[in-house]
């Protein structure tokens, strides 16, 4: 399985960083029991996701990750 993360938007403000990405899964082999549904070698599936990081200086103090539905 190969996973590509394609950022679509990034927001950086004092104390908060947020990112929206499209997560693209590439099946390298047949995956009949894959969590999102069976995939055959060569299949692709994409899933939107977003993350919000609350920062204190260089440290992440809180992280929230949101997963969208797979089409």
PDB file of N, CA and C in Angstrom:
ATOM      1  N   UNK A   1       0.851  -1.178   0.000  1.00  0.00           N
ATOM      2  CA  UNK A   1       0.000   0.000   0.000  1.00  0.00           C
ATOM      3  C   UNK A   1       0.889   1.232   0.000  1.00  0.00           C
ATOM      4  N   UNK A   2       0.604   2.131  -0.900  1.00  0.00           N
ATOM      5  CA  UNK A   2       1.281   3.429  -0.940  1.00  0.00           C
ATOM      6  C   UNK A   2       0.242   4.479  -0.580  1.00  0.00           C
ATOM      7  N   UNK A   3       0.632   5.447   0.217  1.00  0.00           N
ATOM      8  CA  UNK A   3      -0.271   6.526   0.619  1.00  0.00           C
ATOM      9  C   UNK A   3       0.352   7.854   0.221  1.00  0.00           C
ATOM     10  N   UNK A   4      -0.385   8.646  -0.565  1.00  0.00           N
ATOM     11  CA  UNK A   4       0.041   9.997  -0.922  1.00  0.00           C
ATOM     12  C   UNK A   4      -0.842  10.988  -0.185  1.00  0.00           C
ATOM     13  N   UNK A   5      -0.239  12.018   0.391  1.00  0.00           N
ATOM     14  CA  UNK A   5      -0.976  13.099   1.031  1.00  0.00           C
ATOM     15  C   UNK A   5      -0.823  14.345   0.171  1.00  0.00           C
ATOM     16  N   UNK A   6      -1.944  14.841  -0.346  1.00  0.00           N
ATOM     17  CA  UNK A   6      -1.931  15.993  -1.247  1.00  0.00           C
ATOM     18  C   UNK A   6      -2.581  17.180  -0.542  1.00  0.00           C
ATOM     19  N   UNK A   7      -1.791  18.128  -0.030  1.00  0.00           N
ATOM     20  CA  UNK A   7      -2.369  19.266   0.684  1.00  0.00           C
ATOM     21  C   UNK A   7      -3.202  20.142  -0.253  1.00  0.00           C
ATOM     22  N   UNK A   8      -4.369  20.546   0.228  1.00  0.00           N
ATOM     23  CA  UNK A   8      -5.204  21.446  -0.571  1.00  0.00           C
ATOM     24  C   UNK A   8      -5.248  22.844   0.038  1.00  0.00           C
ATOM     25  N   UNK A   9      -5.103  22.941   1.367  1.00  0.00           N
ATOM     26  CA  UNK A   9      -5.018  24.264   1.993  1.00  0.00           C
ATOM     27  C   UNK A   9      -4.298  24.146   3.332  1.00  0.00           C
ATOM     28  N   UNK A  10      -3.603  25.217   3.668  1.00  0.00           N
ATOM     29  CA  UNK A  10      -2.856  25.284   4.918  1.00  0.00           C
ATOM     30  C   UNK A  10      -3.106  26.659   5.525  1.00  0.00           C
ATOM     31  N   UNK A  11      -3.399  26.679   6.813  1.00  0.00           N
ATOM     32  CA  UNK A  11      -3.632  27.930   7.534  1.00  0.00           C
ATOM     33  C   UNK A  11      -2.668  27.968   8.715  1.00  0.00           C
ATOM     34  N   UNK A  12      -1.908  29.044   8.815  1.00  0.00           N
ATOM     35  CA  UNK A  12      -0.979  29.206   9.933  1.00  0.00           C
ATOM     36  C   UNK A  12      -1.273  30.552  10.586  1.00  0.00           C
ATOM     37  N   UNK A  13      -1.669  30.491  11.857  1.00  0.00           N
ATOM     38  CA  UNK A  13      -1.908  31.693  12.652  1.00  0.00           C
ATOM     39  C   UNK A  13      -1.177  31.510  13.972  1.00  0.00           C
ATOM     40  N   UNK A  14      -0.917  32.577  14.692  1.00  0.00           N
ATOM     41  CA  UNK A  14      -0.253  32.409  15.993  1.00  0.00           C
ATOM     42  C   UNK A  14      -1.039  31.426  16.876  1.00  0.00           C
ATOM     43  N   UNK A  15      -0.383  30.360  17.296  1.00  0.00           N
ATOM     44  CA  UNK A  15      -1.000  29.396  18.198  1.00  0.00           C
ATOM     45  C   UNK A  15      -1.799  28.286  17.534  1.00  0.00           C
ATOM     46  N   UNK A  16      -2.055  28.382  16.220  1.00  0.00           N
ATOM     47  CA  UNK A  16      -2.866  27.367  15.539  1.00  0.00           C
ATOM     48  C   UNK A  16      -2.342  27.145  14.118  1.00  0.00           C
ATOM     49  N   UNK A  17      -2.252  25.882  13.739  1.00  0.00           N
ATOM     50  CA  UNK A  17      -1.934  25.514  12.363  1.00  0.00           C
ATOM     51  C   UNK A  17      -2.982  24.498  11.923  1.00  0.00           C
ATOM     52  N   UNK A  18      -3.531  24.676  10.729  1.00  0.00           N
ATOM     53  CA  UNK A  18      -4.545  23.751  10.211  1.00  0.00           C
ATOM     54  C   UNK A  18      -4.188  23.374   8.779  1.00  0.00           C
ATOM     55  N   UNK A  19      -4.531  22.146   8.399  1.00  0.00           N
ATOM     56  CA  UNK A  19      -4.236  21.672   7.054  1.00  0.00           C
ATOM     57  C   UNK A  19      -5.382  20.781   6.565  1.00  0.00           C
ATOM     58  N   UNK A  20      -5.724  20.913   5.287  1.00  0.00           N
ATOM     59  CA  UNK A  20      -6.660  20.008   4.623  1.00  0.00           C
ATOM     60  C   UNK A  20      -5.877  19.241   3.574  1.00  0.00           C
ATOM     61  N   UNK A  21      -6.059  17.933   3.541  1.00  0.00           N
ATOM     62  CA  UNK A  21      -5.341  17.107   2.573  1.00  0.00           C
ATOM     63  C   UNK A  21      -6.282  16.067   1.976  1.00  0.00           C
ATOM     64  N   UNK A  22      -5.913  15.606   0.804  1.00  0.00           N
ATOM     65  CA  UNK A  22      -6.570  14.467   0.165  1.00  0.00           C
ATOM     66  C   UNK A  22      -5.609  13.297   0.337  1.00  0.00           C
ATOM     67  N   UNK A  23      -6.061  12.256   0.995  1.00  0.00           N
ATOM     68  CA  UNK A  23      -5.240  11.059   1.214  1.00  0.00           C
ATOM     69  C   UNK A  23      -5.586  10.058   0.126  1.00  0.00           C
ATOM     70  N   UNK A  24      -4.604   9.711  -0.707  1.00  0.00           N
ATOM     71  CA  UNK A  24      -4.837   8.787  -1.819  1.00  0.00           C
ATOM     72  C   UNK A  24      -4.110   7.479  -1.521  1.00  0.00           C
ATOM     73  N   UNK A  25      -4.881   6.400  -1.468  1.00  0.00           N
ATOM     74  CA  UNK A  25      -4.344   5.071  -1.195  1.00  0.00           C
ATOM     75  C   UNK A  25      -4.176   4.331  -2.512  1.00  0.00           C
ATOM     76  N   UNK A  26      -3.004   3.744  -2.733  1.00  0.00           N
ATOM     77  CA  UNK A  26      -2.715   2.969  -3.941  1.00  0.00           C
ATOM     78  C   UNK A  26      -2.459   1.527  -3.514  1.00  0.00           C
ATOM     79  N   UNK A  27      -3.295   0.598  -3.945  1.00  0.00           N
ATOM     80  CA  UNK A  27      -3.090  -0.818  -3.619  1.00  0.00           C
ATOM     81  C   UNK A  27      -1.996  -1.385  -4.514  1.00  0.00           C
ATOM     82  N   UNK A  28      -0.954  -1.918  -3.915  1.00  0.00           N
ATOM     83  CA  UNK A  28       0.144  -2.533  -4.660  1.00  0.00           C
ATOM     84  C   UNK A  28      -0.118  -4.025  -4.882  1.00  0.00           C
ATOM     85  N   UNK A  29      -0.946  -4.607  -4.002  1.00  0.00           N
ATOM     86  CA  UNK A  29      -1.345  -6.015  -4.111  1.00  0.00           C
ATOM     87  C   UNK A  29      -2.844  -6.085  -3.844  1.00  0.00           C
ATOM     88  N   UNK A  30      -3.457  -7.224  -4.103  1.00  0.00           N
ATOM     89  CA  UNK A  30      -4.863  -7.407  -3.765  1.00  0.00           C
ATOM     90  C   UNK A  30      -5.027  -7.318  -2.242  1.00  0.00           C
ATOM     91  N   UNK A  31      -6.049  -6.571  -1.817  1.00  0.00           N
ATOM     92  CA  UNK A  31      -6.343  -6.416  -0.389  1.00  0.00           C
ATOM     93  C   UNK A  31      -7.813  -6.779  -0.162  1.00  0.00           C
ATOM     94  N   UNK A  32      -8.150  -8.057  -0.144  1.00  0.00           N
ATOM     95  CA  UNK A  32      -9.552  -8.466  -0.054  1.00  0.00           C
ATOM     96  C   UNK A  32     -10.210  -8.108   1.277  1.00  0.00           C
ATOM     97  N   UNK A  33      -9.424  -7.943   2.351  1.00  0.00           N
ATOM     98  CA  UNK A  33      -9.978  -7.657   3.679  1.00  0.00           C
ATOM     99  C   UNK A  33      -9.671  -6.236   4.141  1.00  0.00           C
ATOM    100  N   UNK A  34      -9.408  -5.332   3.201  1.00  0.00           N
ATOM    101  CA  UNK A  34      -9.065  -3.962   3.560  1.00  0.00           C
ATOM    102  C   UNK A  34     -10.232  -3.304   4.290  1.00  0.00           C
ATOM    103  N   UNK A  35      -9.922  -2.532   5.318  1.00  0.00           N
ATOM    104  CA  UNK A  35     -10.931  -1.917   6.181  1.00  0.00           C
ATOM    105  C   UNK A  35     -11.983  -1.112   5.410  1.00  0.00           C
ATOM    106  N   UNK A  36     -11.572  -0.393   4.377  1.00  0.00           N
ATOM    107  CA  UNK A  36     -12.497   0.457   3.619  1.00  0.00           C
ATOM    108  C   UNK A  36     -13.234  -0.302   2.520  1.00  0.00           C
ATOM    109  N   UNK A  37     -12.922  -1.576   2.367  1.00  0.00           N
ATOM    110  CA  UNK A  37     -13.540  -2.396   1.330  1.00  0.00           C
ATOM    111  C   UNK A  37     -12.456  -3.052   0.500  1.00  0.00           C
ATOM    112  N   UNK A  38     -12.772  -4.143  -0.165  1.00  0.00           N
ATOM    113  CA  UNK A  38     -11.765  -4.860  -0.951  1.00  0.00           C
ATOM    114  C   UNK A  38     -11.141  -3.961  -2.020  1.00  0.00           C
ATOM    115  N   UNK A  39      -9.838  -4.125  -2.192  1.00  0.00           N
ATOM    116  CA  UNK A  39      -9.123  -3.408  -3.247  1.00  0.00           C
ATOM    117  C   UNK A  39      -8.280  -4.420  -4.010  1.00  0.00           C
ATOM    118  N   UNK A  40      -8.189  -4.222  -5.318  1.00  0.00           N
ATOM    119  CA  UNK A  40      -7.334  -5.052  -6.158  1.00  0.00           C
ATOM    120  C   UNK A  40      -6.060  -4.274  -6.470  1.00  0.00           C
ATOM    121  N   UNK A  41      -5.008  -4.992  -6.794  1.00  0.00           N
ATOM    122  CA  UNK A  41      -3.743  -4.338  -7.155  1.00  0.00           C
ATOM    123  C   UNK A  41      -4.013  -3.307  -8.244  1.00  0.00           C
ATOM    124  N   UNK A  42      -3.500  -2.100  -8.053  1.00  0.00           N
ATOM    125  CA  UNK A  42      -3.698  -1.019  -9.020  1.00  0.00           C
ATOM    126  C   UNK A  42      -4.855  -0.100  -8.685  1.00  0.00           C
ATOM    127  N   UNK A  43      -5.761  -0.530  -7.782  1.00  0.00           N
ATOM    128  CA  UNK A  43      -6.889   0.327  -7.384  1.00  0.00           C
ATOM    129  C   UNK A  43      -6.392   1.517  -6.581  1.00  0.00           C
ATOM    130  N   UNK A  44      -7.157   2.615  -6.656  1.00  0.00           N
ATOM    131  CA  UNK A  44      -6.891   3.805  -5.848  1.00  0.00           C
ATOM    132  C   UNK A  44      -8.162   4.173  -5.105  1.00  0.00           C
ATOM    133  N   UNK A  45      -8.006   4.708  -3.929  1.00  0.00           N
ATOM    134  CA  UNK A  45      -9.130   5.237  -3.157  1.00  0.00           C
ATOM    135  C   UNK A  45      -8.658   6.540  -2.525  1.00  0.00           C
ATOM    136  N   UNK A  46      -9.515   7.549  -2.511  1.00  0.00           N
ATOM    137  CA  UNK A  46      -9.117   8.812  -1.894  1.00  0.00           C
ATOM    138  C   UNK A  46     -10.046   9.133  -0.735  1.00  0.00           C
ATOM    139  N   UNK A  47      -9.486   9.846   0.238  1.00  0.00           N
ATOM    140  CA  UNK A  47     -10.229  10.197   1.436  1.00  0.00           C
ATOM    141  C   UNK A  47      -9.806  11.594   1.875  1.00  0.00           C
ATOM    142  N   UNK A  48     -10.757  12.520   2.029  1.00  0.00           N
ATOM    143  CA  UNK A  48     -10.382  13.836   2.535  1.00  0.00           C
ATOM    144  C   UNK A  48     -10.118  13.763   4.040  1.00  0.00           C
ATOM    145  N   UNK A  49      -9.211  14.586   4.498  1.00  0.00           N
ATOM    146  CA  UNK A  49      -8.957  14.681   5.927  1.00  0.00           C
ATOM    147  C   UNK A  49      -8.445  16.076   6.258  1.00  0.00           C
ATOM    148  N   UNK A  50      -8.566  16.437   7.520  1.00  0.00           N
ATOM    149  CA  UNK A  50      -8.087  17.733   7.987  1.00  0.00           C
ATOM    150  C   UNK A  50      -7.491  17.548   9.376  1.00  0.00           C
ATOM    151  N   UNK A  51      -6.551  18.411   9.715  1.00  0.00           N
ATOM    152  CA  UNK A  51      -5.949  18.388  11.040  1.00  0.00           C
ATOM    153  C   UNK A  51      -5.790  19.818  11.539  1.00  0.00           C
ATOM    154  N   UNK A  52      -6.034  19.990  12.827  1.00  0.00           N
ATOM    155  CA  UNK A  52      -5.851  21.286  13.485  1.00  0.00           C
ATOM    156  C   UNK A  52      -4.883  21.065  14.644  1.00  0.00           C
ATOM    157  N   UNK A  53      -3.811  21.832  14.649  1.00  0.00           N
ATOM    158  CA  UNK A  53      -2.795  21.717  15.689  1.00  0.00           C
ATOM    159  C   UNK A  53      -2.775  23.001  16.506  1.00  0.00           C
ATOM    160  N   UNK A  54      -2.931  22.885  17.817  1.00  0.00           N
ATOM    161  CA  UNK A  54      -2.797  24.026  18.723  1.00  0.00           C
ATOM    162  C   UNK A  54      -1.366  24.014  19.228  1.00  0.00           C
ATOM    163  N   UNK A  55      -0.724  25.165  19.154  1.00  0.00           N
ATOM    164  CA  UNK A  55       0.703  25.250  19.418  1.00  0.00           C
ATOM    165  C   UNK A  55       1.006  26.153  20.616  1.00  0.00           C
ATOM    166  N   UNK A  56       2.073  25.821  21.328  1.00  0.00           N
ATOM    167  CA  UNK A  56       2.671  26.692  22.345  1.00  0.00           C
ATOM    168  C   UNK A  56       4.147  26.773  21.973  1.00  0.00           C
ATOM    169  N   UNK A  57       4.503  27.820  21.262  1.00  0.00           N
ATOM    170  CA  UNK A  57       5.859  27.904  20.721  1.00  0.00           C
ATOM    171  C   UNK A  57       6.022  26.838  19.647  1.00  0.00           C
ATOM    172  N   UNK A  58       7.028  25.989  19.785  1.00  0.00           N
ATOM    173  CA  UNK A  58       7.267  24.913  18.821  1.00  0.00           C
ATOM    174  C   UNK A  58       6.583  23.603  19.217  1.00  0.00           C
ATOM    175  N   UNK A  59       5.868  23.588  20.331  1.00  0.00           N
ATOM    176  CA  UNK A  59       5.247  22.359  20.828  1.00  0.00           C
ATOM    177  C   UNK A  59       3.776  22.268  20.444  1.00  0.00           C
ATOM    178  N   UNK A  60       3.352  21.086  20.027  1.00  0.00           N
ATOM    179  CA  UNK A  60       1.927  20.834  19.769  1.00  0.00           C
ATOM    180  C   UNK A  60       1.288  20.502  21.110  1.00  0.00           C
ATOM    181  N   UNK A  61       0.287  21.289  21.508  1.00  0.00           N
ATOM    182  CA  UNK A  61      -0.388  21.054  22.782  1.00  0.00           C
ATOM    183  C   UNK A  61      -1.694  20.283  22.612  1.00  0.00           C
ATOM    184  N   UNK A  62      -2.248  20.311  21.412  1.00  0.00           N
ATOM    185  CA  UNK A  62      -3.488  19.595  21.123  1.00  0.00           C
ATOM    186  C   UNK A  62      -3.557  19.373  19.622  1.00  0.00           C
ATOM    187  N   UNK A  63      -4.001  18.192  19.220  1.00  0.00           N
ATOM    188  CA  UNK A  63      -4.167  17.896  17.795  1.00  0.00           C
ATOM    189  C   UNK A  63      -5.537  17.266  17.595  1.00  0.00           C
ATOM    190  N   UNK A  64      -6.237  17.733  16.570  1.00  0.00           N
ATOM    191  CA  UNK A  64      -7.534  17.152  16.190  1.00  0.00           C
ATOM    192  C   UNK A  64      -7.451  16.769  14.728  1.00  0.00           C
ATOM    193  N   UNK A  65      -7.824  15.526  14.422  1.00  0.00           N
ATOM    194  CA  UNK A  65      -7.779  15.032  13.051  1.00  0.00           C
ATOM    195  C   UNK A  65      -9.180  14.595  12.657  1.00  0.00           C
ATOM    196  N   UNK A  66      -9.604  15.015  11.482  1.00  0.00           N
ATOM    197  CA  UNK A  66     -10.936  14.728  10.964  1.00  0.00           C
ATOM    198  C   UNK A  66     -10.810  13.946   9.670  1.00  0.00           C
ATOM    199  N   UNK A  67     -11.552  12.855   9.565  1.00  0.00           N
ATOM    200  CA  UNK A  67     -11.546  12.010   8.382  1.00  0.00           C
ATOM    201  C   UNK A  67     -12.878  12.167   7.659  1.00  0.00           C
ATOM    202  N   UNK A  68     -12.812  12.331   6.361  1.00  0.00           N
ATOM    203  CA  UNK A  68     -14.030  12.391   5.557  1.00  0.00           C
ATOM    204  C   UNK A  68     -14.424  10.992   5.105  1.00  0.00           C
ATOM    205  N   UNK A  69     -15.514  10.914   4.400  1.00  0.00           N
ATOM    206  CA  UNK A  69     -15.967   9.626   3.868  1.00  0.00           C
ATOM    207  C   UNK A  69     -15.261   9.314   2.563  1.00  0.00           C
ATOM    208  N   UNK A  70     -15.038   8.049   2.345  1.00  0.00           N
ATOM    209  CA  UNK A  70     -14.495   7.613   1.064  1.00  0.00           C
ATOM    210  C   UNK A  70     -15.627   7.582   0.057  1.00  0.00           C
ATOM    211  N   UNK A  71     -15.351   8.035  -1.174  1.00  0.00           N
ATOM    212  CA  UNK A  71     -16.419   7.995  -2.189  1.00  0.00           C
ATOM    213  C   UNK A  71     -16.779   6.586  -2.565  1.00  0.00           C
TER     214      UNK A  71
END
